[in-house]
Amino acid sequence: MVFVCWLALGQIGNSAKPVFHGPGLDNWDLALLKDIRLTESKQLQLRFEAFNIFNHTQFENPAGSIDSGFFGQVTAARDTRIMQLGAKFTF
């Protein structure tokens, strides 16, 4: 579907609002944790967390400014896979 607007810059046109669609997201997160009871009131929790576990590329939306030299192009991506280890002691 193509929308053409012949109005001067800054004029309100008749194009539908969602003219441009960005790429979809395929983001999977994972968390593994183990609770270890040390005493009746003390507990240790070990955690492993991974964000974007399958490391799929997550592109940002394309540039939408008409006077930009990158109009309609994807020029950035979101973070890659991030993993972290943690421990929490509750008393």
PDB file of N, CA and C in Angstrom:
ATOM      1  N   MET A   1       0.842  -1.156   0.000  1.00  0.00           N
ATOM      2  CA  MET A   1       0.000   0.000   0.000  1.00  0.00           C
ATOM      3  C   MET A   1       0.901   1.236   0.000  1.00  0.00           C
ATOM      4  N   VAL A   2       0.687   2.141  -0.938  1.00  0.00           N
ATOM      5  CA  VAL A   2       1.507   3.345  -1.053  1.00  0.00           C
ATOM      6  C   VAL A   2       0.600   4.559  -0.914  1.00  0.00           C
ATOM      7  N   PHE A   3       1.026   5.493  -0.075  1.00  0.00           N
ATOM      8  CA  PHE A   3       0.297   6.734   0.103  1.00  0.00           C
ATOM      9  C   PHE A   3       1.151   7.869  -0.455  1.00  0.00           C
ATOM     10  N   VAL A   4       0.539   8.717  -1.253  1.00  0.00           N
ATOM     11  CA  VAL A   4       1.259   9.843  -1.838  1.00  0.00           C
ATOM     12  C   VAL A   4       0.599  11.124  -1.352  1.00  0.00           C
ATOM     13  N   CYS A   5       1.424  12.055  -0.899  1.00  0.00           N
ATOM     14  CA  CYS A   5       0.902  13.325  -0.416  1.00  0.00           C
ATOM     15  C   CYS A   5       1.563  14.450  -1.215  1.00  0.00           C
ATOM     16  N   TRP A   6       0.787  15.274  -1.904  1.00  0.00           N
ATOM     17  CA  TRP A   6       1.320  16.351  -2.738  1.00  0.00           C
ATOM     18  C   TRP A   6       1.196  17.706  -2.060  1.00  0.00           C
ATOM     19  N   LEU A   7       1.034  17.733  -0.740  1.00  0.00           N
ATOM     20  CA  LEU A   7       0.908  18.985  -0.020  1.00  0.00           C
ATOM     21  C   LEU A   7       2.286  19.539   0.314  1.00  0.00           C
ATOM     22  N   ALA A   8       2.329  20.822   0.597  1.00  0.00           N
ATOM     23  CA  ALA A   8       3.589  21.440   1.003  1.00  0.00           C
ATOM     24  C   ALA A   8       3.997  20.901   2.373  1.00  0.00           C
ATOM     25  N   LEU A   9       5.295  20.975   2.656  1.00  0.00           N
ATOM     26  CA  LEU A   9       5.828  20.485   3.915  1.00  0.00           C
ATOM     27  C   LEU A   9       5.166  21.213   5.086  1.00  0.00           C
ATOM     28  N   GLY A  10       4.717  20.477   6.077  1.00  0.00           N
ATOM     29  CA  GLY A  10       4.059  21.054   7.241  1.00  0.00           C
ATOM     30  C   GLY A  10       2.543  21.066   7.140  1.00  0.00           C
ATOM     31  N   GLN A  11       1.980  20.727   5.995  1.00  0.00           N
ATOM     32  CA  GLN A  11       0.528  20.678   5.821  1.00  0.00           C
ATOM     33  C   GLN A  11       0.012  19.310   6.253  1.00  0.00           C
ATOM     34  N   ILE A  12      -1.223  19.268   6.707  1.00  0.00           N
ATOM     35  CA  ILE A  12      -1.827  18.009   7.119  1.00  0.00           C
ATOM     36  C   ILE A  12      -2.295  17.263   5.876  1.00  0.00           C
ATOM     37  N   GLY A  13      -1.857  16.018   5.742  1.00  0.00           N
ATOM     38  CA  GLY A  13      -2.210  15.204   4.586  1.00  0.00           C
ATOM     39  C   GLY A  13      -3.325  14.230   4.911  1.00  0.00           C
ATOM     40  N   ASN A  14      -3.551  13.268   4.022  1.00  0.00           N
ATOM     41  CA  ASN A  14      -4.636  12.308   4.193  1.00  0.00           C
ATOM     42  C   ASN A  14      -4.122  10.881   4.366  1.00  0.00           C
ATOM     43  N   SER A  15      -2.853  10.725   4.683  1.00  0.00           N
ATOM     44  CA  SER A  15      -2.293   9.385   4.871  1.00  0.00           C
ATOM     45  C   SER A  15      -2.784   8.795   6.185  1.00  0.00           C
ATOM     46  N   ALA A  16      -2.910   7.488   6.196  1.00  0.00           N
ATOM     47  CA  ALA A  16      -3.292   6.803   7.427  1.00  0.00           C
ATOM     48  C   ALA A  16      -2.157   6.911   8.438  1.00  0.00           C
ATOM     49  N   LYS A  17      -2.487   6.828   9.716  1.00  0.00           N
ATOM     50  CA  LYS A  17      -1.459   6.972  10.747  1.00  0.00           C
ATOM     51  C   LYS A  17      -0.388   5.890  10.697  1.00  0.00           C
ATOM     52  N   PRO A  18      -0.725   4.613  10.641  1.00  0.00           N
ATOM     53  CA  PRO A  18       0.339   3.603  10.666  1.00  0.00           C
ATOM     54  C   PRO A  18       0.935   3.324   9.284  1.00  0.00           C
ATOM     55  N   VAL A  19       1.553   4.327   8.680  1.00  0.00           N
ATOM     56  CA  VAL A  19       2.113   4.146   7.347  1.00  0.00           C
ATOM     57  C   VAL A  19       3.345   3.257   7.407  1.00  0.00           C
ATOM     58  N   PHE A  20       4.190   3.458   8.413  1.00  0.00           N
ATOM     59  CA  PHE A  20       5.415   2.678   8.529  1.00  0.00           C
ATOM     60  C   PHE A  20       5.287   1.690   9.670  1.00  0.00           C
ATOM     61  N   HIS A  21       5.739   0.489   9.438  1.00  0.00           N
ATOM     62  CA  HIS A  21       5.723  -0.548  10.445  1.00  0.00           C
ATOM     63  C   HIS A  21       7.165  -0.948  10.727  1.00  0.00           C
ATOM     64  N   GLY A  22       7.523  -0.979  11.992  1.00  0.00           N
ATOM     65  CA  GLY A  22       8.858  -1.408  12.369  1.00  0.00           C
ATOM     66  C   GLY A  22       8.952  -2.923  12.388  1.00  0.00           C
ATOM     67  N   PRO A  23      10.160  -3.437  12.499  1.00  0.00           N
ATOM     68  CA  PRO A  23      10.338  -4.885  12.560  1.00  0.00           C
ATOM     69  C   PRO A  23       9.776  -5.445  13.868  1.00  0.00           C
ATOM     70  N   GLY A  24       9.372  -6.674  13.836  1.00  0.00           N
ATOM     71  CA  GLY A  24       8.802  -7.304  15.018  1.00  0.00           C
ATOM     72  C   GLY A  24       9.872  -7.658  16.044  1.00  0.00           C
ATOM     73  N   LEU A  25       9.421  -8.033  17.226  1.00  0.00           N
ATOM     74  CA  LEU A  25      10.333  -8.427  18.295  1.00  0.00           C
ATOM     75  C   LEU A  25      10.226  -9.927  18.523  1.00  0.00           C
ATOM     76  N   ASP A  26      11.358 -10.545  18.761  1.00  0.00           N
ATOM     77  CA  ASP A  26      11.420 -11.970  19.091  1.00  0.00           C
ATOM     78  C   ASP A  26      12.361 -12.083  20.276  1.00  0.00           C
ATOM     79  N   ASN A  27      11.848 -11.783  21.458  1.00  0.00           N
ATOM     80  CA  ASN A  27      12.673 -11.641  22.645  1.00  0.00           C
ATOM     81  C   ASN A  27      12.246 -12.660  23.699  1.00  0.00           C
ATOM     82  N   TRP A  28      13.181 -13.525  24.115  1.00  0.00           N
ATOM     83  CA  TRP A  28      12.914 -14.535  25.129  1.00  0.00           C
ATOM     84  C   TRP A  28      13.854 -14.314  26.307  1.00  0.00           C
ATOM     85  N   ASP A  29      13.288 -14.276  27.514  1.00  0.00           N
ATOM     86  CA  ASP A  29      14.076 -14.130  28.727  1.00  0.00           C
ATOM     87  C   ASP A  29      13.976 -15.433  29.532  1.00  0.00           C
ATOM     88  N   LEU A  30      15.028 -15.687  30.342  1.00  0.00           N
ATOM     89  CA  LEU A  30      15.079 -16.910  31.128  1.00  0.00           C
ATOM     90  C   LEU A  30      15.622 -16.585  32.510  1.00  0.00           C
ATOM     91  N   ALA A  31      15.045 -17.184  33.538  1.00  0.00           N
ATOM     92  CA  ALA A  31      15.542 -17.025  34.905  1.00  0.00           C
ATOM     93  C   ALA A  31      15.503 -18.388  35.592  1.00  0.00           C
ATOM     94  N   LEU A  32      16.633 -18.772  36.168  1.00  0.00           N
ATOM     95  CA  LEU A  32      16.726 -19.986  36.962  1.00  0.00           C
ATOM     96  C   LEU A  32      17.141 -19.576  38.366  1.00  0.00           C
ATOM     97  N   LEU A  33      16.469 -20.116  39.374  1.00  0.00           N
ATOM     98  CA  LEU A  33      16.844 -19.764  40.731  1.00  0.00           C
ATOM     99  C   LEU A  33      16.711 -20.965  41.650  1.00  0.00           C
ATOM    100  N   LYS A  34      17.536 -20.930  42.696  1.00  0.00           N
ATOM    101  CA  LYS A  34      17.553 -22.002  43.683  1.00  0.00           C
ATOM    102  C   LYS A  34      17.524 -21.371  45.063  1.00  0.00           C
ATOM    103  N   ASP A  35      16.540 -21.755  45.892  1.00  0.00           N
ATOM    104  CA  ASP A  35      16.435 -21.288  47.265  1.00  0.00           C
ATOM    105  C   ASP A  35      17.085 -22.315  48.183  1.00  0.00           C
ATOM    106  N   ILE A  36      17.994 -21.856  49.023  1.00  0.00           N
ATOM    107  CA  ILE A  36      18.677 -22.720  49.983  1.00  0.00           C
ATOM    108  C   ILE A  36      18.367 -22.185  51.380  1.00  0.00           C
ATOM    109  N   ARG A  37      17.668 -22.978  52.174  1.00  0.00           N
ATOM    110  CA  ARG A  37      17.329 -22.572  53.532  1.00  0.00           C
ATOM    111  C   ARG A  37      18.504 -22.921  54.441  1.00  0.00           C
ATOM    112  N   LEU A  38      19.079 -21.893  55.074  1.00  0.00           N
ATOM    113  CA  LEU A  38      20.232 -22.080  55.942  1.00  0.00           C
ATOM    114  C   LEU A  38      19.794 -22.362  57.378  1.00  0.00           C
ATOM    115  N   THR A  39      18.909 -21.559  57.906  1.00  0.00           N
ATOM    116  CA  THR A  39      18.292 -21.789  59.214  1.00  0.00           C
ATOM    117  C   THR A  39      16.808 -21.519  59.052  1.00  0.00           C
ATOM    118  N   GLU A  40      16.095 -21.495  60.170  1.00  0.00           N
ATOM    119  CA  GLU A  40      14.654 -21.275  60.097  1.00  0.00           C
ATOM    120  C   GLU A  40      14.309 -19.892  59.559  1.00  0.00           C
ATOM    121  N   SER A  41      15.165 -18.900  59.838  1.00  0.00           N
ATOM    122  CA  SER A  41      14.860 -17.528  59.415  1.00  0.00           C
ATOM    123  C   SER A  41      15.831 -16.985  58.359  1.00  0.00           C
ATOM    124  N   LYS A  42      16.822 -17.747  57.977  1.00  0.00           N
ATOM    125  CA  LYS A  42      17.814 -17.274  56.994  1.00  0.00           C
ATOM    126  C   LYS A  42      17.759 -18.131  55.740  1.00  0.00           C
ATOM    127  N   GLN A  43      17.841 -17.450  54.598  1.00  0.00           N
ATOM    128  CA  GLN A  43      17.728 -18.142  53.318  1.00  0.00           C
ATOM    129  C   GLN A  43      18.676 -17.506  52.313  1.00  0.00           C
ATOM    130  N   LEU A  44      19.248 -18.315  51.448  1.00  0.00           N
ATOM    131  CA  LEU A  44      20.126 -17.850  50.379  1.00  0.00           C
ATOM    132  C   LEU A  44      19.472 -18.214  49.052  1.00  0.00           C
ATOM    133  N   GLN A  45      19.388 -17.254  48.149  1.00  0.00           N
ATOM    134  CA  GLN A  45      18.807 -17.506  46.832  1.00  0.00           C
ATOM    135  C   GLN A  45      19.882 -17.265  45.784  1.00  0.00           C
ATOM    136  N   LEU A  46      20.146 -18.267  44.948  1.00  0.00           N
ATOM    137  CA  LEU A  46      21.085 -18.146  43.837  1.00  0.00           C
ATOM    138  C   LEU A  46      20.277 -17.972  42.561  1.00  0.00           C
ATOM    139  N   ARG A  47      20.681 -17.005  41.723  1.00  0.00           N
ATOM    140  CA  ARG A  47      19.915 -16.678  40.521  1.00  0.00           C
ATOM    141  C   ARG A  47      20.821 -16.627  39.294  1.00  0.00           C
ATOM    142  N   PHE A  48      20.305 -17.116  38.182  1.00  0.00           N
ATOM    143  CA  PHE A  48      20.908 -16.930  36.866  1.00  0.00           C
ATOM    144  C   PHE A  48      19.815 -16.364  35.982  1.00  0.00           C
ATOM    145  N   GLU A  49      20.088 -15.223  35.331  1.00  0.00           N
ATOM    146  CA  GLU A  49      19.099 -14.589  34.460  1.00  0.00           C
ATOM    147  C   GLU A  49      19.740 -14.299  33.111  1.00  0.00           C
ATOM    148  N   ALA A  50      18.979 -14.528  32.067  1.00  0.00           N
ATOM    149  CA  ALA A  50      19.440 -14.232  30.708  1.00  0.00           C
ATOM    150  C   ALA A  50      18.319 -13.499  29.979  1.00  0.00           C
ATOM    151  N   PHE A  51      18.678 -12.399  29.345  1.00  0.00           N
ATOM    152  CA  PHE A  51      17.725 -11.591  28.580  1.00  0.00           C
ATOM    153  C   PHE A  51      18.076 -11.733  27.107  1.00  0.00           C
ATOM    154  N   ASN A  52      17.063 -11.971  26.263  1.00  0.00           N
ATOM    155  CA  ASN A  52      17.254 -12.267  24.846  1.00  0.00           C
ATOM    156  C   ASN A  52      18.116 -13.524  24.704  1.00  0.00           C
ATOM    157  N   ILE A  53      17.691 -14.598  25.351  1.00  0.00           N
ATOM    158  CA  ILE A  53      18.480 -15.826  25.490  1.00  0.00           C
ATOM    159  C   ILE A  53      18.888 -16.436  24.151  1.00  0.00           C
ATOM    160  N   PHE A  54      18.076 -16.335  23.116  1.00  0.00           N
ATOM    161  CA  PHE A  54      18.417 -16.912  21.815  1.00  0.00           C
ATOM    162  C   PHE A  54      19.209 -15.946  20.943  1.00  0.00           C
ATOM    163  N   ASN A  55      19.479 -14.752  21.456  1.00  0.00           N
ATOM    164  CA  ASN A  55      20.319 -13.744  20.807  1.00  0.00           C
ATOM    165  C   ASN A  55      19.818 -13.365  19.409  1.00  0.00           C
ATOM    166  N   HIS A  56      18.491 -13.214  19.268  1.00  0.00           N
ATOM    167  CA  HIS A  56      17.934 -12.738  18.000  1.00  0.00           C
ATOM    168  C   HIS A  56      18.185 -11.236  17.880  1.00  0.00           C
ATOM    169  N   THR A  57      18.489 -10.792  16.693  1.00  0.00           N
ATOM    170  CA  THR A  57      18.699  -9.366  16.472  1.00  0.00           C
ATOM    171  C   THR A  57      17.364  -8.637  16.602  1.00  0.00           C
ATOM    172  N   GLN A  58      17.349  -7.575  17.403  1.00  0.00           N
ATOM    173  CA  GLN A  58      16.141  -6.790  17.658  1.00  0.00           C
ATOM    174  C   GLN A  58      16.361  -5.398  17.064  1.00  0.00           C
ATOM    175  N   PHE A  59      15.888  -5.166  15.852  1.00  0.00           N
ATOM    176  CA  PHE A  59      16.094  -3.885  15.185  1.00  0.00           C
ATOM    177  C   PHE A  59      15.162  -2.812  15.728  1.00  0.00           C
ATOM    178  N   GLU A  60      15.654  -1.585  15.766  1.00  0.00           N
ATOM    179  CA  GLU A  60      14.827  -0.433  16.138  1.00  0.00           C
ATOM    180  C   GLU A  60      13.911  -0.079  14.974  1.00  0.00           C
ATOM    181  N   ASN A  61      12.982   0.832  15.192  1.00  0.00           N
ATOM    182  CA  ASN A  61      12.089   1.275  14.127  1.00  0.00           C
ATOM    183  C   ASN A  61      12.851   2.115  13.103  1.00  0.00           C
ATOM    184  N   PRO A  62      12.393   2.134  11.853  1.00  0.00           N
ATOM    185  CA  PRO A  62      13.062   2.952  10.841  1.00  0.00           C
ATOM    186  C   PRO A  62      12.905   4.447  11.118  1.00  0.00           C
ATOM    187  N   ALA A  63      13.818   5.228  10.573  1.00  0.00           N
ATOM    188  CA  ALA A  63      13.758   6.684  10.718  1.00  0.00           C
ATOM    189  C   ALA A  63      12.480   7.189  10.050  1.00  0.00           C
ATOM    190  N   GLY A  64      11.737   8.048  10.746  1.00  0.00           N
ATOM    191  CA  GLY A  64      10.448   8.489  10.225  1.00  0.00           C
ATOM    192  C   GLY A  64      10.403   9.950   9.824  1.00  0.00           C
ATOM    193  N   SER A  65      11.513  10.661   9.967  1.00  0.00           N
ATOM    194  CA  SER A  65      11.534  12.072   9.602  1.00  0.00           C
ATOM    195  C   SER A  65      11.791  12.206   8.101  1.00  0.00           C
ATOM    196  N   ILE A  66      10.888  12.887   7.404  1.00  0.00           N
ATOM    197  CA  ILE A  66      10.990  12.992   5.945  1.00  0.00           C
ATOM    198  C   ILE A  66      12.238  13.748   5.522  1.00  0.00           C
ATOM    199  N   ASP A  67      12.668  14.747   6.297  1.00  0.00           N
ATOM    200  CA  ASP A  67      13.833  15.511   5.894  1.00  0.00           C
ATOM    201  C   ASP A  67      15.136  14.875   6.371  1.00  0.00           C
ATOM    202  N   SER A  68      15.085  13.636   6.849  1.00  0.00           N
ATOM    203  CA  SER A  68      16.291  12.915   7.248  1.00  0.00           C
ATOM    204  C   SER A  68      16.872  12.189   6.040  1.00  0.00           C
ATOM    205  N   GLY A  69      18.177  12.084   5.996  1.00  0.00           N
ATOM    206  CA  GLY A  69      18.818  11.330   4.921  1.00  0.00           C
ATOM    207  C   GLY A  69      18.640   9.836   5.067  1.00  0.00           C
ATOM    208  N   PHE A  70      18.164   9.388   6.245  1.00  0.00           N
ATOM    209  CA  PHE A  70      17.973   7.969   6.504  1.00  0.00           C
ATOM    210  C   PHE A  70      16.499   7.597   6.560  1.00  0.00           C
ATOM    211  N   PHE A  71      15.642   8.356   5.907  1.00  0.00           N
ATOM    212  CA  PHE A  71      14.199   8.133   5.946  1.00  0.00           C
ATOM    213  C   PHE A  71      13.861   6.706   5.519  1.00  0.00           C
ATOM    214  N   GLY A  72      13.150   5.988   6.382  1.00  0.00           N
ATOM    215  CA  GLY A  72      12.713   4.633   6.070  1.00  0.00           C
ATOM    216  C   GLY A  72      13.763   3.567   6.286  1.00  0.00           C
ATOM    217  N   GLN A  73      14.949   3.919   6.759  1.00  0.00           N
ATOM    218  CA  GLN A  73      16.022   2.949   6.964  1.00  0.00           C
ATOM    219  C   GLN A  73      16.172   2.632   8.445  1.00  0.00           C
ATOM    220  N   VAL A  74      16.492   1.378   8.730  1.00  0.00           N
ATOM    221  CA  VAL A  74      16.776   0.962  10.101  1.00  0.00           C
ATOM    222  C   VAL A  74      18.261   1.205  10.338  1.00  0.00           C
ATOM    223  N   THR A  75      18.583   2.006  11.339  1.00  0.00           N
ATOM    224  CA  THR A  75      19.983   2.368  11.575  1.00  0.00           C
ATOM    225  C   THR A  75      20.498   1.929  12.945  1.00  0.00           C
ATOM    226  N   ALA A  76      19.686   1.230  13.736  1.00  0.00           N
ATOM    227  CA  ALA A  76      20.127   0.835  15.074  1.00  0.00           C
ATOM    228  C   ALA A  76      19.456  -0.476  15.474  1.00  0.00           C
ATOM    229  N   ALA A  77      20.029  -1.102  16.495  1.00  0.00           N
ATOM    230  CA  ALA A  77      19.475  -2.342  17.032  1.00  0.00           C
ATOM    231  C   ALA A  77      19.475  -2.273  18.557  1.00  0.00           C
ATOM    232  N   ARG A  78      18.628  -3.087  19.159  1.00  0.00           N
ATOM    233  CA  ARG A  78      18.573  -3.152  20.623  1.00  0.00           C
ATOM    234  C   ARG A  78      19.731  -4.002  21.149  1.00  0.00           C
ATOM    235  N   ASP A  79      19.821  -4.109  22.472  1.00  0.00           N
ATOM    236  CA  ASP A  79      20.912  -4.856  23.095  1.00  0.00           C
ATOM    237  C   ASP A  79      20.916  -6.320  22.680  1.00  0.00           C
ATOM    238  N   THR A  80      22.126  -6.904  22.675  1.00  0.00           N
ATOM    239  CA  THR A  80      22.269  -8.334  22.412  1.00  0.00           C
ATOM    240  C   THR A  80      21.993  -9.100  23.696  1.00  0.00           C
ATOM    241  N   ARG A  81      22.340 -10.377  23.707  1.00  0.00           N
ATOM    242  CA  ARG A  81      22.095 -11.214  24.875  1.00  0.00           C
ATOM    243  C   ARG A  81      22.824 -10.648  26.094  1.00  0.00           C
ATOM    244  N   ILE A  82      22.112 -10.608  27.221  1.00  0.00           N
ATOM    245  CA  ILE A  82      22.682 -10.166  28.493  1.00  0.00           C
ATOM    246  C   ILE A  82      22.430 -11.271  29.511  1.00  0.00           C
ATOM    247  N   MET A  83      23.504 -11.685  30.229  1.00  0.00           N
ATOM    248  CA  MET A  83      23.371 -12.710  31.262  1.00  0.00           C
ATOM    249  C   MET A  83      23.936 -12.176  32.569  1.00  0.00           C
ATOM    250  N   GLN A  84      23.350 -12.615  33.686  1.00  0.00           N
ATOM    251  CA  GLN A  84      23.848 -12.175  34.981  1.00  0.00           C
ATOM    252  C   GLN A  84      23.640 -13.261  36.025  1.00  0.00           C
ATOM    253  N   LEU A  85      24.542 -13.280  36.985  1.00  0.00           N
ATOM    254  CA  LEU A  85      24.455 -14.172  38.138  1.00  0.00           C
ATOM    255  C   LEU A  85      24.216 -13.315  39.366  1.00  0.00           C
ATOM    256  N   GLY A  86      23.478 -13.848  40.320  1.00  0.00           N
ATOM    257  CA  GLY A  86      23.229 -13.084  41.528  1.00  0.00           C
ATOM    258  C   GLY A  86      22.958 -13.989  42.712  1.00  0.00           C
ATOM    259  N   ALA A  87      23.125 -13.428  43.886  1.00  0.00           N
ATOM    260  CA  ALA A  87      22.820 -14.127  45.131  1.00  0.00           C
ATOM    261  C   ALA A  87      22.093 -13.150  46.045  1.00  0.00           C
ATOM    262  N   LYS A  88      21.096 -13.660  46.760  1.00  0.00           N
ATOM    263  CA  LYS A  88      20.338 -12.826  47.681  1.00  0.00           C
ATOM    264  C   LYS A  88      20.243 -13.558  49.019  1.00  0.00           C
ATOM    265  N   PHE A  89      20.632 -12.872  50.059  1.00  0.00           N
ATOM    266  CA  PHE A  89      20.578 -13.427  51.414  1.00  0.00           C
ATOM    267  C   PHE A  89      19.472 -12.721  52.177  1.00  0.00           C
ATOM    268  N   THR A  90      18.496 -13.462  52.653  1.00  0.00           N
ATOM    269  CA  THR A  90      17.404 -12.885  53.429  1.00  0.00           C
ATOM    270  C   THR A  90      17.488 -13.393  54.869  1.00  0.00           C
ATOM    271  N   PHE A  91      17.207 -12.505  55.796  1.00  0.00           N
ATOM    272  CA  PHE A  91      17.253 -12.863  57.216  1.00  0.00           C
ATOM    273  C   PHE A  91      16.130 -12.216  57.974  1.00  0.00           C
TER     274      PHE A  91
END
